[in-house]
Structures are given as structure tokens and as C-alpha cells.
N, C-alpha and C. Protein backbone atom coordinates (compact mmCIF):
# COMPACT_ATOMS: atom_id res chain seq x y z
N MET A 1 15.35 -5.37 -10.55
CA MET A 1 14.32 -6.39 -10.56
C MET A 1 13.07 -5.79 -11.23
N GLU A 2 12.63 -6.40 -12.30
CA GLU A 2 11.57 -5.84 -13.14
C GLU A 2 10.27 -5.59 -12.38
N ILE A 3 9.81 -6.52 -11.57
CA ILE A 3 8.52 -6.34 -10.89
C ILE A 3 8.59 -5.17 -9.90
N ILE A 4 9.73 -4.96 -9.28
CA ILE A 4 9.86 -3.84 -8.34
C ILE A 4 9.79 -2.52 -9.10
N ASP A 5 10.48 -2.44 -10.23
CA ASP A 5 10.41 -1.23 -11.06
C ASP A 5 8.98 -0.98 -11.52
N ARG A 6 8.27 -2.03 -11.94
CA ARG A 6 6.88 -1.90 -12.38
C ARG A 6 6.00 -1.43 -11.22
N PHE A 7 6.20 -2.04 -10.04
CA PHE A 7 5.41 -1.68 -8.86
C PHE A 7 5.60 -0.21 -8.52
N LEU A 8 6.84 0.25 -8.45
CA LEU A 8 7.12 1.64 -8.09
C LEU A 8 6.51 2.61 -9.09
N ALA A 9 6.61 2.30 -10.37
CA ALA A 9 5.99 3.16 -11.39
C ALA A 9 4.47 3.15 -11.25
N ALA A 10 3.91 1.99 -10.93
CA ALA A 10 2.46 1.85 -10.84
C ALA A 10 1.87 2.56 -9.63
N VAL A 11 2.64 2.67 -8.54
CA VAL A 11 2.14 3.36 -7.35
C VAL A 11 1.68 4.77 -7.70
N VAL A 12 2.40 5.44 -8.59
CA VAL A 12 2.07 6.82 -8.94
C VAL A 12 1.36 6.94 -10.29
N SER A 13 0.98 5.82 -10.88
CA SER A 13 0.26 5.84 -12.15
C SER A 13 -1.18 6.29 -11.92
N PRO A 14 -1.75 7.04 -12.84
CA PRO A 14 -3.16 7.42 -12.69
C PRO A 14 -4.11 6.25 -12.94
N ASP A 15 -3.62 5.16 -13.48
CA ASP A 15 -4.46 3.98 -13.76
C ASP A 15 -4.26 2.93 -12.67
N PRO A 16 -5.27 2.69 -11.82
CA PRO A 16 -5.12 1.71 -10.75
C PRO A 16 -4.87 0.29 -11.25
N GLY A 17 -5.22 0.03 -12.49
CA GLY A 17 -4.96 -1.29 -13.05
C GLY A 17 -3.49 -1.59 -13.16
N ASP A 18 -2.68 -0.55 -13.34
CA ASP A 18 -1.24 -0.75 -13.42
C ASP A 18 -0.70 -1.38 -12.14
N LEU A 19 -1.19 -0.92 -11.00
CA LEU A 19 -0.74 -1.45 -9.72
C LEU A 19 -1.28 -2.86 -9.50
N ALA A 20 -2.54 -3.08 -9.78
CA ALA A 20 -3.14 -4.41 -9.61
C ALA A 20 -2.41 -5.45 -10.46
N ASP A 21 -1.95 -5.05 -11.63
CA ASP A 21 -1.27 -5.99 -12.52
C ASP A 21 0.07 -6.46 -11.99
N CYS A 22 0.57 -5.84 -10.93
CA CYS A 22 1.83 -6.27 -10.32
C CYS A 22 1.63 -7.46 -9.37
N TYR A 23 0.38 -7.77 -9.05
CA TYR A 23 0.07 -8.81 -8.06
C TYR A 23 -0.34 -10.12 -8.73
N ALA A 24 -0.08 -11.21 -8.03
CA ALA A 24 -0.51 -12.53 -8.48
C ALA A 24 -2.03 -12.62 -8.47
N GLU A 25 -2.58 -13.62 -9.10
CA GLU A 25 -4.03 -13.80 -9.14
C GLU A 25 -4.62 -13.89 -7.74
N HIS A 26 -3.94 -14.58 -6.84
CA HIS A 26 -4.34 -14.67 -5.43
C HIS A 26 -3.19 -14.13 -4.59
N VAL A 27 -3.52 -13.26 -3.66
CA VAL A 27 -2.49 -12.58 -2.88
C VAL A 27 -2.91 -12.47 -1.41
N VAL A 28 -1.93 -12.47 -0.54
CA VAL A 28 -2.14 -12.24 0.89
C VAL A 28 -1.44 -10.94 1.25
N ILE A 29 -2.16 -10.05 1.92
CA ILE A 29 -1.60 -8.79 2.38
C ILE A 29 -1.77 -8.75 3.89
N GLU A 30 -0.65 -8.62 4.57
CA GLU A 30 -0.66 -8.51 6.03
C GLU A 30 -0.22 -7.11 6.41
N MET A 31 -0.87 -6.55 7.43
CA MET A 31 -0.53 -5.21 7.92
C MET A 31 -0.36 -5.30 9.43
N PRO A 32 0.87 -5.63 9.89
CA PRO A 32 1.10 -5.84 11.32
C PRO A 32 0.76 -4.63 12.19
N PHE A 33 0.81 -3.41 11.66
CA PHE A 33 0.49 -2.23 12.46
C PHE A 33 -0.96 -1.78 12.29
N ALA A 34 -1.78 -2.59 11.66
CA ALA A 34 -3.18 -2.24 11.46
C ALA A 34 -3.88 -2.10 12.81
N VAL A 35 -4.80 -1.17 12.88
CA VAL A 35 -5.58 -0.95 14.10
C VAL A 35 -6.84 -1.78 14.01
N PRO A 36 -7.03 -2.74 14.93
CA PRO A 36 -8.24 -3.56 14.90
C PRO A 36 -9.49 -2.70 14.92
N GLY A 37 -10.45 -3.07 14.09
CA GLY A 37 -11.68 -2.31 13.98
C GLY A 37 -11.63 -1.21 12.95
N LEU A 38 -10.45 -0.90 12.45
CA LEU A 38 -10.32 0.16 11.44
C LEU A 38 -9.83 -0.41 10.11
N VAL A 39 -8.82 -1.26 10.18
CA VAL A 39 -8.23 -1.88 8.99
C VAL A 39 -7.93 -3.33 9.34
N PRO A 40 -8.23 -4.27 8.46
CA PRO A 40 -7.92 -5.67 8.76
C PRO A 40 -6.41 -5.91 8.76
N ALA A 41 -5.95 -6.76 9.66
CA ALA A 41 -4.52 -7.07 9.76
C ALA A 41 -4.07 -8.05 8.68
N ARG A 42 -5.01 -8.78 8.10
CA ARG A 42 -4.67 -9.77 7.07
C ARG A 42 -5.83 -9.85 6.08
N VAL A 43 -5.47 -9.81 4.81
CA VAL A 43 -6.47 -9.91 3.75
C VAL A 43 -5.99 -10.94 2.75
N GLU A 44 -6.83 -11.90 2.45
CA GLU A 44 -6.58 -12.81 1.34
C GLU A 44 -7.52 -12.38 0.25
N THR A 45 -6.97 -12.05 -0.91
CA THR A 45 -7.78 -11.42 -1.95
C THR A 45 -7.30 -11.84 -3.33
N THR A 46 -7.93 -11.28 -4.32
CA THR A 46 -7.56 -11.57 -5.70
C THR A 46 -7.07 -10.29 -6.37
N ARG A 47 -6.43 -10.44 -7.48
CA ARG A 47 -5.95 -9.29 -8.26
C ARG A 47 -7.12 -8.38 -8.63
N GLU A 48 -8.26 -8.97 -9.02
CA GLU A 48 -9.40 -8.14 -9.44
C GLU A 48 -10.01 -7.40 -8.26
N GLU A 49 -10.04 -8.01 -7.08
CA GLU A 49 -10.53 -7.29 -5.90
C GLU A 49 -9.58 -6.14 -5.56
N LEU A 50 -8.27 -6.37 -5.71
CA LEU A 50 -7.31 -5.29 -5.49
C LEU A 50 -7.53 -4.17 -6.50
N ARG A 51 -7.77 -4.54 -7.75
CA ARG A 51 -8.00 -3.54 -8.79
C ARG A 51 -9.17 -2.62 -8.38
N ALA A 52 -10.26 -3.21 -7.89
CA ALA A 52 -11.43 -2.42 -7.46
C ALA A 52 -11.07 -1.55 -6.25
N ARG A 53 -10.31 -2.10 -5.33
CA ARG A 53 -9.90 -1.35 -4.13
C ARG A 53 -9.00 -0.17 -4.53
N PHE A 54 -8.04 -0.42 -5.42
CA PHE A 54 -7.15 0.66 -5.86
C PHE A 54 -7.94 1.72 -6.62
N ARG A 55 -8.89 1.30 -7.44
CA ARG A 55 -9.72 2.24 -8.20
C ARG A 55 -10.52 3.13 -7.23
N ALA A 56 -11.08 2.52 -6.19
CA ALA A 56 -11.83 3.31 -5.19
C ALA A 56 -10.91 4.31 -4.50
N GLY A 57 -9.69 3.91 -4.23
CA GLY A 57 -8.73 4.81 -3.58
C GLY A 57 -8.41 6.03 -4.42
N THR A 58 -8.31 5.84 -5.73
CA THR A 58 -7.97 6.97 -6.61
C THR A 58 -9.11 7.97 -6.72
N ALA A 59 -10.31 7.58 -6.31
CA ALA A 59 -11.43 8.53 -6.29
C ALA A 59 -11.26 9.54 -5.15
N VAL A 60 -10.49 9.15 -4.14
CA VAL A 60 -10.31 9.97 -2.94
C VAL A 60 -8.97 10.71 -2.95
N ARG A 61 -7.92 10.03 -3.43
CA ARG A 61 -6.58 10.59 -3.36
C ARG A 61 -5.78 10.21 -4.60
N ARG A 62 -4.72 10.94 -4.80
CA ARG A 62 -3.83 10.64 -5.92
C ARG A 62 -2.41 10.64 -5.39
N TYR A 63 -1.69 9.56 -5.64
CA TYR A 63 -0.27 9.50 -5.31
C TYR A 63 0.49 10.15 -6.46
N THR A 64 1.34 11.11 -6.14
CA THR A 64 1.97 11.92 -7.18
C THR A 64 3.45 11.63 -7.39
N GLU A 65 4.15 11.20 -6.34
CA GLU A 65 5.57 10.90 -6.50
C GLU A 65 6.07 10.04 -5.37
N LEU A 66 7.23 9.45 -5.59
CA LEU A 66 7.91 8.64 -4.59
C LEU A 66 9.24 9.28 -4.24
N SER A 67 9.69 9.08 -3.02
CA SER A 67 11.03 9.52 -2.62
C SER A 67 11.58 8.50 -1.62
N GLY A 68 12.87 8.61 -1.37
CA GLY A 68 13.49 7.74 -0.37
C GLY A 68 13.39 6.27 -0.69
N VAL A 69 13.36 5.93 -1.96
CA VAL A 69 13.18 4.52 -2.35
C VAL A 69 14.47 3.74 -2.07
N ARG A 70 14.30 2.63 -1.37
CA ARG A 70 15.40 1.70 -1.10
C ARG A 70 14.89 0.29 -1.34
N VAL A 71 15.63 -0.48 -2.10
CA VAL A 71 15.28 -1.87 -2.38
C VAL A 71 16.35 -2.74 -1.75
N HIS A 72 15.92 -3.68 -0.92
CA HIS A 72 16.85 -4.58 -0.25
C HIS A 72 16.56 -6.01 -0.72
N GLU A 73 17.50 -6.57 -1.44
CA GLU A 73 17.36 -7.96 -1.85
C GLU A 73 17.76 -8.83 -0.67
N CYS A 74 17.12 -9.97 -0.55
CA CYS A 74 17.33 -10.87 0.58
C CYS A 74 18.04 -12.15 0.13
N ALA A 75 18.47 -12.93 1.11
CA ALA A 75 19.11 -14.21 0.80
C ALA A 75 18.18 -15.11 0.00
N ASP A 76 16.88 -15.04 0.29
CA ASP A 76 15.88 -15.77 -0.48
C ASP A 76 15.51 -14.89 -1.67
N PRO A 77 15.82 -15.30 -2.90
CA PRO A 77 15.55 -14.45 -4.06
C PRO A 77 14.07 -14.14 -4.28
N ALA A 78 13.18 -14.86 -3.62
CA ALA A 78 11.75 -14.60 -3.75
C ALA A 78 11.28 -13.53 -2.77
N THR A 79 12.17 -13.01 -1.94
CA THR A 79 11.81 -12.00 -0.95
C THR A 79 12.57 -10.71 -1.21
N VAL A 80 11.83 -9.61 -1.17
CA VAL A 80 12.40 -8.28 -1.35
C VAL A 80 11.82 -7.37 -0.28
N VAL A 81 12.66 -6.52 0.28
CA VAL A 81 12.19 -5.50 1.22
C VAL A 81 12.29 -4.16 0.50
N LEU A 82 11.19 -3.43 0.51
CA LEU A 82 11.09 -2.17 -0.21
C LEU A 82 10.70 -1.07 0.77
N GLU A 83 11.47 0.01 0.78
CA GLU A 83 11.15 1.19 1.59
C GLU A 83 10.88 2.35 0.65
N TYR A 84 9.88 3.15 0.96
CA TYR A 84 9.61 4.33 0.14
C TYR A 84 8.65 5.28 0.86
N ASP A 85 8.72 6.54 0.45
CA ASP A 85 7.76 7.55 0.88
C ASP A 85 6.90 7.85 -0.34
N VAL A 86 5.60 7.86 -0.14
CA VAL A 86 4.70 8.21 -1.23
C VAL A 86 4.07 9.57 -0.91
N HIS A 87 4.15 10.46 -1.88
CA HIS A 87 3.59 11.80 -1.76
C HIS A 87 2.26 11.81 -2.49
N GLY A 88 1.28 12.47 -1.90
CA GLY A 88 -0.03 12.46 -2.53
C GLY A 88 -0.82 13.72 -2.29
N LEU A 89 -2.01 13.69 -2.86
CA LEU A 89 -2.92 14.83 -2.81
C LEU A 89 -4.33 14.31 -2.58
N MET A 90 -5.02 14.87 -1.59
CA MET A 90 -6.42 14.53 -1.35
C MET A 90 -7.28 15.36 -2.29
N HIS A 91 -8.16 14.70 -3.05
CA HIS A 91 -8.98 15.40 -4.04
C HIS A 91 -9.92 16.42 -3.40
N ALA A 92 -10.59 16.05 -2.33
CA ALA A 92 -11.63 16.92 -1.75
C ALA A 92 -11.06 18.20 -1.16
N THR A 93 -9.89 18.13 -0.57
CA THR A 93 -9.34 19.28 0.15
C THR A 93 -8.15 19.92 -0.53
N GLY A 94 -7.52 19.20 -1.45
CA GLY A 94 -6.29 19.70 -2.06
C GLY A 94 -5.09 19.57 -1.14
N GLU A 95 -5.31 18.95 0.02
CA GLU A 95 -4.23 18.79 1.00
C GLU A 95 -3.21 17.76 0.51
N ARG A 96 -1.94 18.10 0.70
CA ARG A 96 -0.85 17.20 0.33
C ARG A 96 -0.45 16.38 1.55
N PHE A 97 0.06 15.18 1.30
CA PHE A 97 0.50 14.31 2.40
C PHE A 97 1.69 13.47 1.94
N VAL A 98 2.38 12.91 2.93
CA VAL A 98 3.48 11.98 2.68
C VAL A 98 3.28 10.80 3.63
N LEU A 99 3.32 9.60 3.08
CA LEU A 99 3.22 8.38 3.88
C LEU A 99 4.48 7.55 3.65
N ARG A 100 5.03 7.02 4.71
CA ARG A 100 6.23 6.19 4.64
C ARG A 100 5.83 4.72 4.75
N PHE A 101 6.38 3.91 3.87
CA PHE A 101 6.07 2.48 3.84
C PHE A 101 7.34 1.64 3.89
N VAL A 102 7.23 0.50 4.50
CA VAL A 102 8.19 -0.59 4.37
C VAL A 102 7.35 -1.82 4.01
N MET A 103 7.71 -2.46 2.93
CA MET A 103 6.98 -3.65 2.48
C MET A 103 7.95 -4.81 2.35
N VAL A 104 7.56 -5.94 2.90
CA VAL A 104 8.29 -7.18 2.69
C VAL A 104 7.45 -7.96 1.69
N MET A 105 8.01 -8.15 0.49
CA MET A 105 7.28 -8.79 -0.59
C MET A 105 7.80 -10.20 -0.84
N THR A 106 6.88 -11.10 -1.07
CA THR A 106 7.22 -12.43 -1.55
C THR A 106 6.74 -12.52 -2.99
N LEU A 107 7.64 -12.87 -3.86
CA LEU A 107 7.35 -12.93 -5.29
C LEU A 107 7.16 -14.38 -5.74
N ARG A 108 6.26 -14.55 -6.70
CA ARG A 108 6.03 -15.86 -7.30
C ARG A 108 5.75 -15.64 -8.78
N ASP A 109 6.51 -16.31 -9.61
CA ASP A 109 6.35 -16.20 -11.07
C ASP A 109 6.39 -14.75 -11.53
N GLY A 110 7.27 -13.95 -10.92
CA GLY A 110 7.46 -12.58 -11.35
C GLY A 110 6.40 -11.60 -10.88
N LEU A 111 5.51 -12.02 -9.98
CA LEU A 111 4.45 -11.17 -9.45
C LEU A 111 4.47 -11.18 -7.93
N ILE A 112 3.82 -10.20 -7.33
CA ILE A 112 3.75 -10.11 -5.87
C ILE A 112 2.65 -11.04 -5.38
N ALA A 113 3.03 -12.02 -4.55
CA ALA A 113 2.08 -13.01 -4.04
C ALA A 113 1.72 -12.77 -2.58
N HIS A 114 2.58 -12.08 -1.85
CA HIS A 114 2.36 -11.87 -0.42
C HIS A 114 3.12 -10.62 -0.02
N THR A 115 2.49 -9.78 0.80
CA THR A 115 3.21 -8.64 1.35
C THR A 115 2.93 -8.51 2.84
N ARG A 116 3.90 -7.98 3.53
CA ARG A 116 3.71 -7.49 4.89
C ARG A 116 4.01 -5.99 4.79
N ASP A 117 2.97 -5.19 4.99
CA ASP A 117 3.04 -3.74 4.80
C ASP A 117 3.14 -3.06 6.16
N TYR A 118 4.21 -2.33 6.35
CA TYR A 118 4.43 -1.61 7.59
C TYR A 118 4.29 -0.12 7.29
N ALA A 119 3.27 0.50 7.88
CA ALA A 119 3.01 1.92 7.68
C ALA A 119 2.54 2.52 8.99
N ASP A 120 2.67 3.80 9.12
CA ASP A 120 2.26 4.54 10.30
C ASP A 120 0.75 4.74 10.26
N PRO A 121 -0.02 4.08 11.13
CA PRO A 121 -1.48 4.23 11.08
C PRO A 121 -1.96 5.64 11.42
N ILE A 122 -1.18 6.38 12.21
CA ILE A 122 -1.57 7.75 12.55
C ILE A 122 -1.45 8.65 11.32
N ALA A 123 -0.33 8.54 10.61
CA ALA A 123 -0.14 9.35 9.40
C ALA A 123 -1.19 9.00 8.35
N GLY A 124 -1.51 7.72 8.21
CA GLY A 124 -2.53 7.30 7.26
C GLY A 124 -3.90 7.85 7.61
N ALA A 125 -4.27 7.76 8.88
CA ALA A 125 -5.57 8.28 9.32
C ALA A 125 -5.63 9.79 9.16
N ARG A 126 -4.53 10.46 9.45
CA ARG A 126 -4.49 11.93 9.30
C ARG A 126 -4.70 12.30 7.83
N ALA A 127 -3.98 11.63 6.93
CA ALA A 127 -4.08 11.94 5.49
C ALA A 127 -5.49 11.71 4.97
N LEU A 128 -6.14 10.65 5.46
CA LEU A 128 -7.48 10.30 4.98
C LEU A 128 -8.61 10.97 5.75
N GLY A 129 -8.26 11.80 6.73
CA GLY A 129 -9.29 12.46 7.53
C GLY A 129 -10.02 11.50 8.45
N ARG A 130 -9.32 10.46 8.89
CA ARG A 130 -9.95 9.43 9.72
C ARG A 130 -9.41 9.39 11.15
N LEU A 131 -8.83 10.49 11.63
CA LEU A 131 -8.31 10.50 13.00
C LEU A 131 -9.37 10.19 14.05
N PRO A 132 -10.61 10.74 13.94
CA PRO A 132 -11.62 10.37 14.95
C PRO A 132 -11.92 8.87 14.96
N GLU A 133 -11.98 8.27 13.77
CA GLU A 133 -12.21 6.81 13.70
C GLU A 133 -11.05 6.04 14.30
N LEU A 134 -9.82 6.50 14.08
CA LEU A 134 -8.65 5.86 14.66
C LEU A 134 -8.71 5.94 16.18
N ALA A 135 -8.99 7.13 16.70
CA ALA A 135 -9.08 7.30 18.16
C ALA A 135 -10.16 6.40 18.75
N ASN A 136 -11.30 6.31 18.08
CA ASN A 136 -12.39 5.46 18.54
C ASN A 136 -11.97 3.99 18.54
N ALA A 137 -11.31 3.56 17.48
CA ALA A 137 -10.87 2.16 17.40
C ALA A 137 -9.83 1.86 18.48
N LEU A 138 -8.93 2.80 18.72
CA LEU A 138 -7.90 2.59 19.76
C LEU A 138 -8.53 2.57 21.16
N ALA A 139 -9.63 3.31 21.33
CA ALA A 139 -10.32 3.33 22.63
C ALA A 139 -11.21 2.11 22.83
N GLY A 140 -11.28 1.26 21.79
CA GLY A 140 -12.09 0.05 21.90
C GLY A 140 -13.54 0.26 21.51
N GLY A 141 -13.83 1.34 20.83
CA GLY A 141 -15.22 1.68 20.47
C GLY A 141 -15.65 1.15 19.20
């Protein structure tokens, strides 16, 4: 599936625009494991807002490779389940990290229109140096 191949290549591209270009003009991103107060559980956004968000992310970290990639096609051809581990490097510390993702994507006109992103919030907070913020959010602070 072309968009999935483009998406996977774009995750590790040094140009954040490559990843944003995989998304529809208007997109919904849901994160069922998001921690309230730290990350929103649902975002309705645009491709250009995603482009800015991805660009800001590359100032802090760089995704360098993918492993464990599995693509599961569904009975509905507009739905794809994607599993992968993304390996990265934090610019400030040089620390390496691995984050595991499962994404349920809904495609429209060959682009990603909706995702449900399942990721480990502890691993994400650890990689980004945000464990104290995670603990505070979990404690209701």
C-alpha cells in the first residue's frame, strides 16, 4: 500500500514535511492511552498544523530507524493497522530510545484522515525527559 510505505519512510526522514504530506488536509488523531493534563486524547487538526508540530519535534529528537514493522490490512480497505518500533536520538543528551507504536489508520483519497495511536506513555515520557510531568499528571496535579 503506497501511503503506508510513504508514511514509514517519512517517519525517519530528516524533513518533517515528508510525514505531514502523508496526512489529509483535515485529520483527527486519537490517543486512547494519553495521560490527561499531559497530552490531549483527541486532536482535530490540519496538515499544516501537523507539519509545524513535526518540525518542532525534530528540534528535540531525531527518529533514525524502524524495526518490527507489521502491516495488517482489514476487511474495510480504508482501515489499516500498523505496528512498529521507532528508534531515535535525543539531540540535547545524545541518549538513544525506542518507542513502540500501534496505529489504526483510516485512509481517504490515499491519505491518512484519522488515526488511533497506541503508545506507551511511560516510555514516551522517559525518552522526552518528562517523567516528573507524567507523575504529576497521574497524581492529578
